[in-house]
Amino acid sequence: MVLSGKVILVTGGTGSFGKKFTEIALQEHDPKAIRIFSRGELLQLQMRQQFNDDPRLRFFIGDVRDRDRLYRAIDGVDILVHAAALKQVPACEYNPIEAVKTNIDGAVNVINAAIDNEVEKVIAISTDKAVYPVNLYGATKLVAEKLFVQGNAYTGKHRTTFSVVRYGNVVGSRGSVIPIFLKQRQTGKITITDERMTRFWITLEQGVRFVISCIARMKGGEIFVPKIPSMRIVDLANVIAPGVEREIIGIRPGEKIHECLITEEEARHAREFDTYFVIEPEFPFWNKDNLDGGKPLPEGFKYTSDTNTWWLTKEELKQMIEGLDITGKGENRGKAGD
């Protein structure tokens, strides 16, 4: 197994992605150590307690903006999972320079520290918001993707390889529509921005397992995209709040009607596999023989939430939201790196 006996560092490791990754890695993959790198001492304490002070866990207070601290934390690491980011769209719009410092400058620090410390594999967590970005968060994630893909051109004689995983909305993540609907239904009215809206959906566990599988297969330079289902916002409303009054409030700044995971331009240098796509880098460092199998995508193909061929049924939606906070008190935690 790719994680077995390895020293792993997770930036933004106290977020929901980091906690779920840690849970699965410790239970199923027997790593030598997992280093949790994040800013919040309280969240680290809570995570330490959650995992009963597992001796394989290490906790590093630090920020990806802090180059020196990052270098110290990465020393001796075999695999690095980069999940740290500022990701709340309104916060990034209001604090754009801070978003750039964390999401872009932080990515540069991770790349340099990984190369200089001979980290074997680095995989960065991205989002559909990086595709045709219409808000600052998406724009910074687009730049981060480019940095990690092209980071392979900087390695020279070093062994480090960089790849990216890009997927859609995580079911129940903080600030997303499901916890909002769960809370609003108690008032007898829910708000919908636009009834035409569609989204890609993935569970937290599915996202973590996909990342681990990509670590195993990555050669360096790929953007991995899972095949995941789409959902109509009105269908979600019917499942969570049937019969509840709806108010249409209009699309919010920085928001799209539909999301895209692979552009038509990217599809020209991508391959399709049974459960995922791989976007190949268009740079000299990439060996076309790296991918075993897969088929080219047809001309004009793009992977968008409205043209997707896989749609969630009402029963599947119900299953995906089982176990989430149904009290509306905001107990379910947020996205990777929170």
C-alpha atoms as a PDB file:
ATOM      1  CA  MET A   1       0.000   0.000   0.000  1.00  0.00           C
ATOM      2  CA  VAL A   2       1.279   3.422  -0.948  1.00  0.00           C
ATOM      3  CA  LEU A   3       1.018   4.912   2.570  1.00  0.00           C
ATOM      4  CA  SER A   4       2.331   1.929   4.488  1.00  0.00           C
ATOM      5  CA  GLY A   5       5.454   2.732   6.504  1.00  0.00           C
ATOM      6  CA  LYS A   6       5.566   6.294   5.138  1.00  0.00           C
ATOM      7  CA  VAL A   7       5.861   9.628   6.926  1.00  0.00           C
ATOM      8  CA  ILE A   8       2.973  11.770   5.685  1.00  0.00           C
ATOM      9  CA  LEU A   9       2.345  15.475   6.195  1.00  0.00           C
ATOM     10  CA  VAL A  10      -1.114  17.003   5.712  1.00  0.00           C
ATOM     11  CA  THR A  11      -1.320  20.787   5.473  1.00  0.00           C
ATOM     12  CA  GLY A  12      -4.612  22.113   6.780  1.00  0.00           C
ATOM     13  CA  GLY A  13      -4.772  18.780   8.550  1.00  0.00           C
ATOM     14  CA  THR A  14      -7.330  19.729  11.212  1.00  0.00           C
ATOM     15  CA  GLY A  15     -10.024  20.319   8.582  1.00  0.00           C
ATOM     16  CA  SER A  16     -12.630  17.694   7.750  1.00  0.00           C
ATOM     17  CA  PHE A  17     -10.553  16.334   4.874  1.00  0.00           C
ATOM     18  CA  GLY A  18      -7.467  16.038   7.075  1.00  0.00           C
ATOM     19  CA  LYS A  19      -9.371  14.274   9.835  1.00  0.00           C
ATOM     20  CA  LYS A  20     -11.047  11.814   7.483  1.00  0.00           C
ATOM     21  CA  PHE A  21      -7.744  11.213   5.658  1.00  0.00           C
ATOM     22  CA  THR A  22      -6.052  10.549   8.997  1.00  0.00           C
ATOM     23  CA  GLU A  23      -8.819   8.194  10.085  1.00  0.00           C
ATOM     24  CA  ILE A  24      -8.654   6.094   6.921  1.00  0.00           C
ATOM     25  CA  ALA A  25      -4.853   6.137   6.724  1.00  0.00           C
ATOM     26  CA  LEU A  26      -4.402   5.017  10.338  1.00  0.00           C
ATOM     27  CA  GLN A  27      -7.067   2.311  10.149  1.00  0.00           C
ATOM     28  CA  GLU A  28      -6.273   0.856   6.738  1.00  0.00           C
ATOM     29  CA  HIS A  29      -2.748   1.811   5.598  1.00  0.00           C
ATOM     30  CA  ASP A  30      -0.413   1.706   8.627  1.00  0.00           C
ATOM     31  CA  PRO A  31       1.745   4.788   7.982  1.00  0.00           C
ATOM     32  CA  LYS A  32       4.873   5.296  10.064  1.00  0.00           C
ATOM     33  CA  ALA A  33       3.669   8.786  11.072  1.00  0.00           C
ATOM     34  CA  ILE A  34       1.173  11.451  10.031  1.00  0.00           C
ATOM     35  CA  ARG A  35       2.155  15.048  10.672  1.00  0.00           C
ATOM     36  CA  ILE A  36      -0.750  17.474  11.015  1.00  0.00           C
ATOM     37  CA  PHE A  37       0.267  20.994   9.973  1.00  0.00           C
ATOM     38  CA  SER A  38      -2.238  23.743  10.756  1.00  0.00           C
ATOM     39  CA  ARG A  39      -2.683  27.078  12.504  1.00  0.00           C
ATOM     40  CA  GLY A  40      -5.204  26.255  15.230  1.00  0.00           C
ATOM     41  CA  GLU A  41      -3.979  24.879  18.556  1.00  0.00           C
ATOM     42  CA  LEU A  42      -7.545  24.210  19.772  1.00  0.00           C
ATOM     43  CA  LEU A  43      -8.409  22.228  16.651  1.00  0.00           C
ATOM     44  CA  GLN A  44      -5.187  20.266  17.057  1.00  0.00           C
ATOM     45  CA  LEU A  45      -6.050  19.500  20.681  1.00  0.00           C
ATOM     46  CA  GLN A  46      -9.512  18.325  19.643  1.00  0.00           C
ATOM     47  CA  MET A  47      -8.045  16.150  16.903  1.00  0.00           C
ATOM     48  CA  ARG A  48      -5.483  14.685  19.286  1.00  0.00           C
ATOM     49  CA  GLN A  49      -8.328  13.730  21.622  1.00  0.00           C
ATOM     50  CA  GLN A  50     -10.434  12.384  18.753  1.00  0.00           C
ATOM     51  CA  PHE A  51      -7.659   9.941  17.839  1.00  0.00           C
ATOM     52  CA  ASN A  52      -6.860   9.051  21.468  1.00  0.00           C
ATOM     53  CA  ASP A  53      -3.298  10.378  21.299  1.00  0.00           C
ATOM     54  CA  ASP A  54      -2.333   7.837  18.631  1.00  0.00           C
ATOM     55  CA  PRO A  55       1.496   7.710  18.809  1.00  0.00           C
ATOM     56  CA  ARG A  56       1.741   7.855  15.014  1.00  0.00           C
ATOM     57  CA  LEU A  57       0.270  11.374  14.980  1.00  0.00           C
ATOM     58  CA  ARG A  58       2.428  14.515  15.182  1.00  0.00           C
ATOM     59  CA  PHE A  59       1.024  18.030  15.470  1.00  0.00           C
ATOM     60  CA  PHE A  60       2.819  21.064  14.046  1.00  0.00           C
ATOM     61  CA  ILE A  61       1.494  24.576  14.647  1.00  0.00           C
ATOM     62  CA  GLY A  62       2.277  26.535  11.504  1.00  0.00           C
ATOM     63  CA  ASP A  63       1.064  28.410   8.455  1.00  0.00           C
ATOM     64  CA  VAL A  64       1.920  27.617   4.834  1.00  0.00           C
ATOM     65  CA  ARG A  65       2.836  31.307   4.517  1.00  0.00           C
ATOM     66  CA  ASP A  66       5.730  30.673   6.919  1.00  0.00           C
ATOM     67  CA  ARG A  67       8.485  29.233   4.755  1.00  0.00           C
ATOM     68  CA  ASP A  68      10.901  28.418   7.578  1.00  0.00           C
ATOM     69  CA  ARG A  69       8.308  26.608   9.684  1.00  0.00           C
ATOM     70  CA  LEU A  70       7.163  24.643   6.645  1.00  0.00           C
ATOM     71  CA  TYR A  71      10.733  23.555   5.921  1.00  0.00           C
ATOM     72  CA  ARG A  72      11.102  22.258   9.469  1.00  0.00           C
ATOM     73  CA  ALA A  73       7.796  20.378   9.371  1.00  0.00           C
ATOM     74  CA  ILE A  74       8.558  18.741   5.997  1.00  0.00           C
ATOM     75  CA  ASP A  75      12.000  17.449   6.969  1.00  0.00           C
ATOM     76  CA  GLY A  76      11.914  13.648   6.622  1.00  0.00           C
ATOM     77  CA  VAL A  77       8.475  13.498   4.962  1.00  0.00           C
ATOM     78  CA  ASP A  78       7.782  10.937   2.213  1.00  0.00           C
ATOM     79  CA  ILE A  79       4.302  12.035   1.086  1.00  0.00           C
ATOM     80  CA  LEU A  80       2.711  15.477   1.364  1.00  0.00           C
ATOM     81  CA  VAL A  81      -1.016  16.151   0.975  1.00  0.00           C
ATOM     82  CA  HIS A  82      -1.674  19.875   0.516  1.00  0.00           C
ATOM     83  CA  ALA A  83      -5.180  20.705   1.723  1.00  0.00           C
ATOM     84  CA  ALA A  84      -4.591  24.087   3.399  1.00  0.00           C
ATOM     85  CA  ALA A  85      -6.369  27.042   1.805  1.00  0.00           C
ATOM     86  CA  LEU A  86      -8.597  30.024   2.409  1.00  0.00           C
ATOM     87  CA  LYS A  87     -11.742  28.836   0.669  1.00  0.00           C
ATOM     88  CA  GLN A  88     -14.826  30.728   1.797  1.00  0.00           C
ATOM     89  CA  VAL A  89     -15.772  32.769  -1.278  1.00  0.00           C
ATOM     90  CA  PRO A  90     -17.042  35.915   0.519  1.00  0.00           C
ATOM     91  CA  ALA A  91     -14.015  35.977   2.840  1.00  0.00           C
ATOM     92  CA  CYS A  92     -11.629  35.702  -0.100  1.00  0.00           C
ATOM     93  CA  GLU A  93     -13.444  38.482  -1.965  1.00  0.00           C
ATOM     94  CA  TYR A  94     -13.224  40.782   1.056  1.00  0.00           C
ATOM     95  CA  ASN A  95      -9.628  39.797   1.899  1.00  0.00           C
ATOM     96  CA  PRO A  96      -8.068  39.235  -1.539  1.00  0.00           C
ATOM     97  CA  ILE A  97      -4.439  39.793  -0.576  1.00  0.00           C
ATOM     98  CA  GLU A  98      -4.774  37.317   2.295  1.00  0.00           C
ATOM     99  CA  ALA A  99      -6.253  34.748  -0.109  1.00  0.00           C
ATOM    100  CA  VAL A 100      -3.293  35.215  -2.452  1.00  0.00           C
ATOM    101  CA  LYS A 101      -0.789  34.893   0.406  1.00  0.00           C
ATOM    102  CA  THR A 102      -2.253  31.587   1.566  1.00  0.00           C
ATOM    103  CA  ASN A 103      -3.492  29.949  -1.633  1.00  0.00           C
ATOM    104  CA  ILE A 104      -0.734  31.063  -4.024  1.00  0.00           C
ATOM    105  CA  ASP A 105       2.297  32.090  -1.963  1.00  0.00           C
ATOM    106  CA  GLY A 106       1.608  29.156   0.353  1.00  0.00           C
ATOM    107  CA  ALA A 107       1.618  26.793  -2.629  1.00  0.00           C
ATOM    108  CA  VAL A 108       5.010  28.157  -3.712  1.00  0.00           C
ATOM    109  CA  ASN A 109       6.375  27.522  -0.215  1.00  0.00           C
ATOM    110  CA  VAL A 110       5.063  23.960  -0.238  1.00  0.00           C
ATOM    111  CA  ILE A 111       6.636  23.281  -3.641  1.00  0.00           C
ATOM    112  CA  ASN A 112      10.051  24.665  -2.690  1.00  0.00           C
ATOM    113  CA  ALA A 113      10.106  22.956   0.702  1.00  0.00           C
ATOM    114  CA  ALA A 114       9.069  19.623  -0.807  1.00  0.00           C
ATOM    115  CA  ILE A 115      11.770  19.714  -3.477  1.00  0.00           C
ATOM    116  CA  ASP A 116      14.536  20.785  -1.091  1.00  0.00           C
ATOM    117  CA  ASN A 117      13.546  18.121   1.452  1.00  0.00           C
ATOM    118  CA  GLU A 118      13.335  15.319  -1.146  1.00  0.00           C
ATOM    119  CA  VAL A 119       9.655  14.560  -0.539  1.00  0.00           C
ATOM    120  CA  GLU A 120       8.722  11.679  -2.834  1.00  0.00           C
ATOM    121  CA  LYS A 121       5.127  12.613  -3.713  1.00  0.00           C
ATOM    122  CA  VAL A 122       3.084  15.806  -3.302  1.00  0.00           C
ATOM    123  CA  ILE A 123      -0.597  15.935  -4.150  1.00  0.00           C
ATOM    124  CA  ALA A 124      -2.667  19.131  -3.936  1.00  0.00           C
ATOM    125  CA  ILE A 125      -6.418  19.260  -3.356  1.00  0.00           C
ATOM    126  CA  SER A 126      -8.238  21.512  -5.818  1.00  0.00           C
ATOM    127  CA  THR A 127     -11.827  22.348  -6.689  1.00  0.00           C
ATOM    128  CA  ASP A 128     -14.210  22.826  -9.581  1.00  0.00           C
ATOM    129  CA  LYS A 129     -14.116  26.536  -8.686  1.00  0.00           C
ATOM    130  CA  ALA A 130     -10.640  26.618 -10.303  1.00  0.00           C
ATOM    131  CA  VAL A 131     -12.218  25.929 -13.709  1.00  0.00           C
ATOM    132  CA  TYR A 132     -13.361  29.076 -15.535  1.00  0.00           C
ATOM    133  CA  PRO A 133     -13.071  30.958 -12.212  1.00  0.00           C
ATOM    134  CA  VAL A 134     -15.534  33.750 -11.537  1.00  0.00           C
ATOM    135  CA  ASN A 135     -14.382  34.566  -8.004  1.00  0.00           C
ATOM    136  CA  LEU A 136     -11.030  35.191  -6.332  1.00  0.00           C
ATOM    137  CA  TYR A 137     -11.026  31.863  -4.513  1.00  0.00           C
ATOM    138  CA  GLY A 138     -11.360  30.013  -7.820  1.00  0.00           C
ATOM    139  CA  ALA A 139      -8.697  32.199  -9.419  1.00  0.00           C
ATOM    140  CA  THR A 140      -6.191  31.474  -6.651  1.00  0.00           C
ATOM    141  CA  LYS A 141      -6.882  27.754  -6.893  1.00  0.00           C
ATOM    142  CA  LEU A 142      -6.378  27.889 -10.654  1.00  0.00           C
ATOM    143  CA  VAL A 143      -2.959  29.467 -10.104  1.00  0.00           C
ATOM    144  CA  ALA A 144      -2.158  26.885  -7.434  1.00  0.00           C
ATOM    145  CA  GLU A 145      -3.025  24.069  -9.852  1.00  0.00           C
ATOM    146  CA  LYS A 146      -0.682  25.520 -12.468  1.00  0.00           C
ATOM    147  CA  LEU A 147       2.074  25.867  -9.881  1.00  0.00           C
ATOM    148  CA  PHE A 148       1.835  22.254  -8.757  1.00  0.00           C
ATOM    149  CA  VAL A 149       1.681  20.855 -12.287  1.00  0.00           C
ATOM    150  CA  GLN A 150       4.621  22.938 -13.458  1.00  0.00           C
ATOM    151  CA  GLY A 151       6.445  22.332 -10.181  1.00  0.00           C
ATOM    152  CA  ASN A 152       7.669  19.124 -11.805  1.00  0.00           C
ATOM    153  CA  ALA A 153       9.855  21.228 -14.095  1.00  0.00           C
ATOM    154  CA  TYR A 154      11.719  22.587 -11.057  1.00  0.00           C
ATOM    155  CA  THR A 155      12.738  19.276  -9.507  1.00  0.00           C
ATOM    156  CA  GLY A 156      15.893  18.680 -11.584  1.00  0.00           C
ATOM    157  CA  LYS A 157      17.902  15.904  -9.932  1.00  0.00           C
ATOM    158  CA  HIS A 158      15.519  15.746  -6.987  1.00  0.00           C
ATOM    159  CA  ARG A 159      13.008  12.899  -6.691  1.00  0.00           C
ATOM    160  CA  THR A 160       9.876  14.952  -5.916  1.00  0.00           C
ATOM    161  CA  THR A 161       6.775  14.654  -8.099  1.00  0.00           C
ATOM    162  CA  PHE A 162       3.674  16.858  -7.968  1.00  0.00           C
ATOM    163  CA  SER A 163       0.078  16.127  -8.987  1.00  0.00           C
ATOM    164  CA  VAL A 164      -3.380  17.577  -8.360  1.00  0.00           C
ATOM    165  CA  VAL A 165      -6.796  16.157  -7.475  1.00  0.00           C
ATOM    166  CA  ARG A 166      -9.770  18.259  -8.578  1.00  0.00           C
ATOM    167  CA  TYR A 167     -13.318  17.449  -7.488  1.00  0.00           C
ATOM    168  CA  GLY A 168     -16.683  19.069  -6.776  1.00  0.00           C
ATOM    169  CA  ASN A 169     -18.656  20.065  -3.701  1.00  0.00           C
ATOM    170  CA  VAL A 170     -18.257  17.950  -0.586  1.00  0.00           C
ATOM    171  CA  VAL A 171     -21.636  16.907   0.778  1.00  0.00           C
ATOM    172  CA  GLY A 172     -22.452  18.838   3.938  1.00  0.00           C
ATOM    173  CA  SER A 173     -19.341  21.028   3.995  1.00  0.00           C
ATOM    174  CA  ARG A 174     -19.563  24.143   6.128  1.00  0.00           C
ATOM    175  CA  GLY A 175     -21.162  27.079   4.340  1.00  0.00           C
ATOM    176  CA  SER A 176     -22.588  24.856   1.599  1.00  0.00           C
ATOM    177  CA  VAL A 177     -26.232  24.452   0.710  1.00  0.00           C
ATOM    178  CA  ILE A 178     -27.077  21.289   2.674  1.00  0.00           C
ATOM    179  CA  PRO A 179     -26.399  22.647   6.193  1.00  0.00           C
ATOM    180  CA  ILE A 180     -28.051  25.906   5.146  1.00  0.00           C
ATOM    181  CA  PHE A 181     -31.222  24.076   4.032  1.00  0.00           C
ATOM    182  CA  LEU A 182     -31.178  21.961   7.202  1.00  0.00           C
ATOM    183  CA  LYS A 183     -31.152  25.094   9.321  1.00  0.00           C
ATOM    184  CA  GLN A 184     -33.612  27.067   7.196  1.00  0.00           C
ATOM    185  CA  ARG A 185     -36.255  24.354   7.121  1.00  0.00           C
ATOM    186  CA  GLN A 186     -36.823  24.912  10.844  1.00  0.00           C
ATOM    187  CA  THR A 187     -38.045  28.429  10.038  1.00  0.00           C
ATOM    188  CA  GLY A 188     -40.568  27.174   7.474  1.00  0.00           C
ATOM    189  CA  LYS A 189     -38.843  28.793   4.486  1.00  0.00           C
ATOM    190  CA  ILE A 190     -35.711  28.022   2.455  1.00  0.00           C
ATOM    191  CA  THR A 191     -33.892  30.313   0.038  1.00  0.00           C
ATOM    192  CA  ILE A 192     -32.832  29.181  -3.430  1.00  0.00           C
ATOM    193  CA  THR A 193     -30.545  31.327  -5.557  1.00  0.00           C
ATOM    194  CA  ASP A 194     -31.606  29.932  -8.937  1.00  0.00           C
ATOM    195  CA  GLU A 195     -33.829  26.937  -9.695  1.00  0.00           C
ATOM    196  CA  ARG A 196     -31.705  26.028 -12.743  1.00  0.00           C
ATOM    197  CA  MET A 197     -28.618  25.474 -10.624  1.00  0.00           C
ATOM    198  CA  THR A 198     -26.736  22.157 -10.702  1.00  0.00           C
ATOM    199  CA  ARG A 199     -23.690  20.943  -8.801  1.00  0.00           C
ATOM    200  CA  PHE A 200     -21.275  18.018  -8.700  1.00  0.00           C
ATOM    201  CA  TRP A 201     -21.357  16.144  -5.389  1.00  0.00           C
ATOM    202  CA  ILE A 202     -18.936  13.860  -3.578  1.00  0.00           C
ATOM    203  CA  THR A 203     -18.850  12.574  -0.016  1.00  0.00           C
ATOM    204  CA  LEU A 204     -15.894  13.303   2.222  1.00  0.00           C
ATOM    205  CA  GLU A 205     -14.923   9.634   2.399  1.00  0.00           C
ATOM    206  CA  GLN A 206     -15.121   9.268  -1.378  1.00  0.00           C
ATOM    207  CA  GLY A 207     -12.865  12.298  -1.782  1.00  0.00           C
ATOM    208  CA  VAL A 208     -10.270  10.945   0.648  1.00  0.00           C
ATOM    209  CA  ARG A 209     -10.224   7.481  -0.913  1.00  0.00           C
ATOM    210  CA  PHE A 210      -9.857   9.000  -4.372  1.00  0.00           C
ATOM    211  CA  VAL A 211      -6.895  11.081  -3.204  1.00  0.00           C
ATOM    212  CA  ILE A 212      -5.186   8.016  -1.735  1.00  0.00           C
ATOM    213  CA  SER A 213      -5.709   6.074  -4.967  1.00  0.00           C
ATOM    214  CA  CYS A 214      -4.225   8.988  -6.936  1.00  0.00           C
ATOM    215  CA  ILE A 215      -1.148   9.057  -4.694  1.00  0.00           C
ATOM    216  CA  ALA A 216      -0.614   5.420  -5.625  1.00  0.00           C
ATOM    217  CA  ARG A 217      -0.915   5.968  -9.389  1.00  0.00           C
ATOM    218  CA  MET A 218       0.560   9.460  -9.871  1.00  0.00           C
ATOM    219  CA  LYS A 219       3.657   9.933 -12.028  1.00  0.00           C
ATOM    220  CA  GLY A 220       3.839  13.735 -11.625  1.00  0.00           C
ATOM    221  CA  GLY A 221       1.978  16.440 -13.521  1.00  0.00           C
ATOM    222  CA  GLU A 222      -1.485  14.915 -13.728  1.00  0.00           C
ATOM    223  CA  ILE A 223      -4.753  16.517 -12.681  1.00  0.00           C
ATOM    224  CA  PHE A 224      -7.026  13.698 -11.507  1.00  0.00           C
ATOM    225  CA  VAL A 225     -10.796  14.205 -11.773  1.00  0.00           C
ATOM    226  CA  PRO A 226     -13.224  11.603 -10.368  1.00  0.00           C
ATOM    227  CA  LYS A 227     -16.439  10.674 -12.127  1.00  0.00           C
ATOM    228  CA  ILE A 228     -19.082  11.908  -9.700  1.00  0.00           C
ATOM    229  CA  PRO A 229     -22.815  12.568  -9.893  1.00  0.00           C
ATOM    230  CA  SER A 230     -24.649  15.825 -10.451  1.00  0.00           C
ATOM    231  CA  MET A 231     -27.614  17.142  -8.536  1.00  0.00           C
ATOM    232  CA  ARG A 232     -30.256  19.773  -9.192  1.00  0.00           C
ATOM    233  CA  ILE A 233     -30.688  22.261  -6.404  1.00  0.00           C
ATOM    234  CA  VAL A 234     -34.482  21.888  -6.571  1.00  0.00           C
ATOM    235  CA  ASP A 235     -34.175  18.122  -6.134  1.00  0.00           C
ATOM    236  CA  LEU A 236     -32.045  18.667  -3.050  1.00  0.00           C
ATOM    237  CA  ALA A 237     -34.653  21.065  -1.684  1.00  0.00           C
ATOM    238  CA  ASN A 238     -37.372  18.458  -2.271  1.00  0.00           C
ATOM    239  CA  VAL A 239     -35.405  15.862  -0.292  1.00  0.00           C
ATOM    240  CA  ILE A 240     -34.329  18.048   2.641  1.00  0.00           C
ATOM    241  CA  ALA A 241     -37.353  20.327   2.951  1.00  0.00           C
ATOM    242  CA  PRO A 242     -40.371  18.836   1.162  1.00  0.00           C
ATOM    243  CA  GLY A 243     -43.366  21.113   1.192  1.00  0.00           C
ATOM    244  CA  VAL A 244     -41.451  23.999   2.758  1.00  0.00           C
ATOM    245  CA  GLU A 245     -41.961  27.479   1.291  1.00  0.00           C
ATOM    246  CA  ARG A 246     -39.219  28.616  -1.114  1.00  0.00           C
ATOM    247  CA  GLU A 247     -37.889  32.073  -1.816  1.00  0.00           C
ATOM    248  CA  ILE A 248     -35.860  32.689  -4.985  1.00  0.00           C
ATOM    249  CA  ILE A 249     -33.158  35.240  -4.073  1.00  0.00           C
ATOM    250  CA  GLY A 250     -31.060  35.323  -7.261  1.00  0.00           C
ATOM    251  CA  ILE A 251     -27.525  34.174  -7.957  1.00  0.00           C
ATOM    252  CA  ARG A 252     -24.894  35.527  -5.580  1.00  0.00           C
ATOM    253  CA  PRO A 253     -21.705  37.354  -6.574  1.00  0.00           C
ATOM    254  CA  GLY A 254     -18.987  34.938  -7.667  1.00  0.00           C
ATOM    255  CA  GLU A 255     -21.425  32.063  -8.181  1.00  0.00           C
ATOM    256  CA  LYS A 256     -22.217  29.986 -11.274  1.00  0.00           C
ATOM    257  CA  ILE A 257     -25.415  28.328 -12.468  1.00  0.00           C
ATOM    258  CA  HIS A 258     -23.443  25.183 -13.379  1.00  0.00           C
ATOM    259  CA  GLU A 259     -19.961  23.972 -12.496  1.00  0.00           C
ATOM    260  CA  CYS A 260     -17.265  22.517 -14.739  1.00  0.00           C
ATOM    261  CA  LEU A 261     -14.581  19.948 -13.840  1.00  0.00           C
ATOM    262  CA  ILE A 262     -12.920  19.571 -17.252  1.00  0.00           C
ATOM    263  CA  THR A 263     -12.941  22.292 -19.906  1.00  0.00           C
ATOM    264  CA  GLU A 264     -13.188  21.606 -23.616  1.00  0.00           C
ATOM    265  CA  GLU A 265      -9.593  22.788 -23.959  1.00  0.00           C
ATOM    266  CA  GLU A 266      -8.373  20.439 -21.218  1.00  0.00           C
ATOM    267  CA  ALA A 267     -10.310  17.532 -22.698  1.00  0.00           C
ATOM    268  CA  ARG A 268      -8.042  17.604 -25.745  1.00  0.00           C
ATOM    269  CA  HIS A 269      -5.164  16.367 -23.579  1.00  0.00           C
ATOM    270  CA  ALA A 270      -7.125  14.197 -21.142  1.00  0.00           C
ATOM    271  CA  ARG A 271      -7.895  10.509 -20.927  1.00  0.00           C
ATOM    272  CA  GLU A 272     -10.935   8.698 -19.607  1.00  0.00           C
ATOM    273  CA  PHE A 273     -10.777   5.686 -17.294  1.00  0.00           C
ATOM    274  CA  ASP A 274     -13.608   3.675 -15.728  1.00  0.00           C
ATOM    275  CA  THR A 275     -14.073   5.866 -12.644  1.00  0.00           C
ATOM    276  CA  TYR A 276     -11.979   8.955 -13.306  1.00  0.00           C
ATOM    277  CA  PHE A 277     -10.316  11.236 -15.855  1.00  0.00           C
ATOM    278  CA  VAL A 278      -6.681  12.311 -16.056  1.00  0.00           C
ATOM    279  CA  ILE A 279      -5.716  15.678 -17.550  1.00  0.00           C
ATOM    280  CA  GLU A 280      -2.176  15.281 -18.869  1.00  0.00           C
ATOM    281  CA  PRO A 281       0.288  18.182 -18.619  1.00  0.00           C
ATOM    282  CA  GLU A 282       1.322  19.849 -21.848  1.00  0.00           C
ATOM    283  CA  PHE A 283       4.995  20.167 -20.955  1.00  0.00           C
ATOM    284  CA  PRO A 284       8.217  18.414 -22.037  1.00  0.00           C
ATOM    285  CA  PHE A 285       8.691  16.684 -18.673  1.00  0.00           C
ATOM    286  CA  TRP A 286       5.599  14.516 -19.256  1.00  0.00           C
ATOM    287  CA  ASN A 287       6.160  11.031 -20.655  1.00  0.00           C
ATOM    288  CA  LYS A 288       3.177   9.971 -22.769  1.00  0.00           C
ATOM    289  CA  ASP A 289       3.788   6.382 -21.658  1.00  0.00           C
ATOM    290  CA  ASN A 290       3.069   7.292 -18.031  1.00  0.00           C
ATOM    291  CA  LEU A 291      -0.615   6.421 -18.340  1.00  0.00           C
ATOM    292  CA  ASP A 292      -1.466   2.773 -18.860  1.00  0.00           C
ATOM    293  CA  GLY A 293      -4.773   2.582 -20.670  1.00  0.00           C
ATOM    294  CA  GLY A 294      -7.475   5.187 -20.810  1.00  0.00           C
ATOM    295  CA  LYS A 295      -9.102   6.521 -23.921  1.00  0.00           C
ATOM    296  CA  PRO A 296      -9.030   9.971 -25.531  1.00  0.00           C
ATOM    297  CA  LEU A 297     -12.077  12.157 -25.090  1.00  0.00           C
ATOM    298  CA  PRO A 298     -14.175  13.130 -28.128  1.00  0.00           C
ATOM    299  CA  GLU A 299     -13.772  16.541 -29.701  1.00  0.00           C
ATOM    300  CA  GLY A 300     -15.973  19.111 -27.999  1.00  0.00           C
ATOM    301  CA  PHE A 301     -16.212  17.136 -24.735  1.00  0.00           C
ATOM    302  CA  LYS A 302     -16.440  19.027 -21.457  1.00  0.00           C
ATOM    303  CA  TYR A 303     -17.366  17.739 -18.039  1.00  0.00           C
ATOM    304  CA  THR A 304     -20.022  20.010 -16.568  1.00  0.00           C
ATOM    305  CA  SER A 305     -22.649  19.512 -13.890  1.00  0.00           C
ATOM    306  CA  ASP A 306     -25.538  20.184 -16.286  1.00  0.00           C
ATOM    307  CA  THR A 307     -24.349  17.882 -19.103  1.00  0.00           C
ATOM    308  CA  ASN A 308     -23.266  15.074 -16.788  1.00  0.00           C
ATOM    309  CA  THR A 309     -24.773  11.671 -17.580  1.00  0.00           C
ATOM    310  CA  TRP A 310     -24.855  10.625 -13.905  1.00  0.00           C
ATOM    311  CA  TRP A 311     -27.596  12.202 -11.791  1.00  0.00           C
ATOM    312  CA  LEU A 312     -28.397  11.505  -8.172  1.00  0.00           C
ATOM    313  CA  THR A 313     -31.826  10.044  -7.471  1.00  0.00           C
ATOM    314  CA  LYS A 314     -33.842  11.186  -4.478  1.00  0.00           C
ATOM    315  CA  GLU A 315     -32.969   7.961  -2.666  1.00  0.00           C
ATOM    316  CA  GLU A 316     -29.266   8.447  -3.356  1.00  0.00           C
ATOM    317  CA  LEU A 317     -29.494  12.016  -2.096  1.00  0.00           C
ATOM    318  CA  LYS A 318     -31.096  10.787   1.111  1.00  0.00           C
ATOM    319  CA  GLN A 319     -28.306   8.268   1.603  1.00  0.00           C
ATOM    320  CA  MET A 320     -25.592  10.894   0.984  1.00  0.00           C
ATOM    321  CA  ILE A 321     -26.935  13.243   3.651  1.00  0.00           C
ATOM    322  CA  GLU A 322     -27.471  10.529   6.269  1.00  0.00           C
ATOM    323  CA  GLY A 323     -25.388  11.225   9.338  1.00  0.00           C
ATOM    324  CA  LEU A 324     -25.130  14.953   8.675  1.00  0.00           C
ATOM    325  CA  ASP A 325     -26.224  17.503  11.264  1.00  0.00           C
ATOM    326  CA  ILE A 326     -30.009  17.467  10.957  1.00  0.00           C
ATOM    327  CA  THR A 327     -30.486  19.836  13.880  1.00  0.00           C
ATOM    328  CA  GLY A 328     -29.306  22.843  11.893  1.00  0.00           C
ATOM    329  CA  LYS A 329     -26.854  23.768  14.682  1.00  0.00           C
ATOM    330  CA  GLY A 330     -23.847  23.645  12.386  1.00  0.00           C
ATOM    331  CA  GLU A 331     -22.180  20.654  14.053  1.00  0.00           C
ATOM    332  CA  ASN A 332     -20.885  19.092  10.845  1.00  0.00           C
ATOM    333  CA  ARG A 333     -17.489  20.463   9.973  1.00  0.00           C
ATOM    334  CA  GLY A 334     -16.270  22.111   6.836  1.00  0.00           C
ATOM    335  CA  LYS A 335     -14.077  21.699   3.808  1.00  0.00           C
ATOM    336  CA  ALA A 336     -10.491  20.557   3.508  1.00  0.00           C
ATOM    337  CA  GLY A 337      -8.099  22.741   5.387  1.00  0.00           C
ATOM    338  CA  ASP A 338     -10.605  24.497   7.666  1.00  0.00           C
END
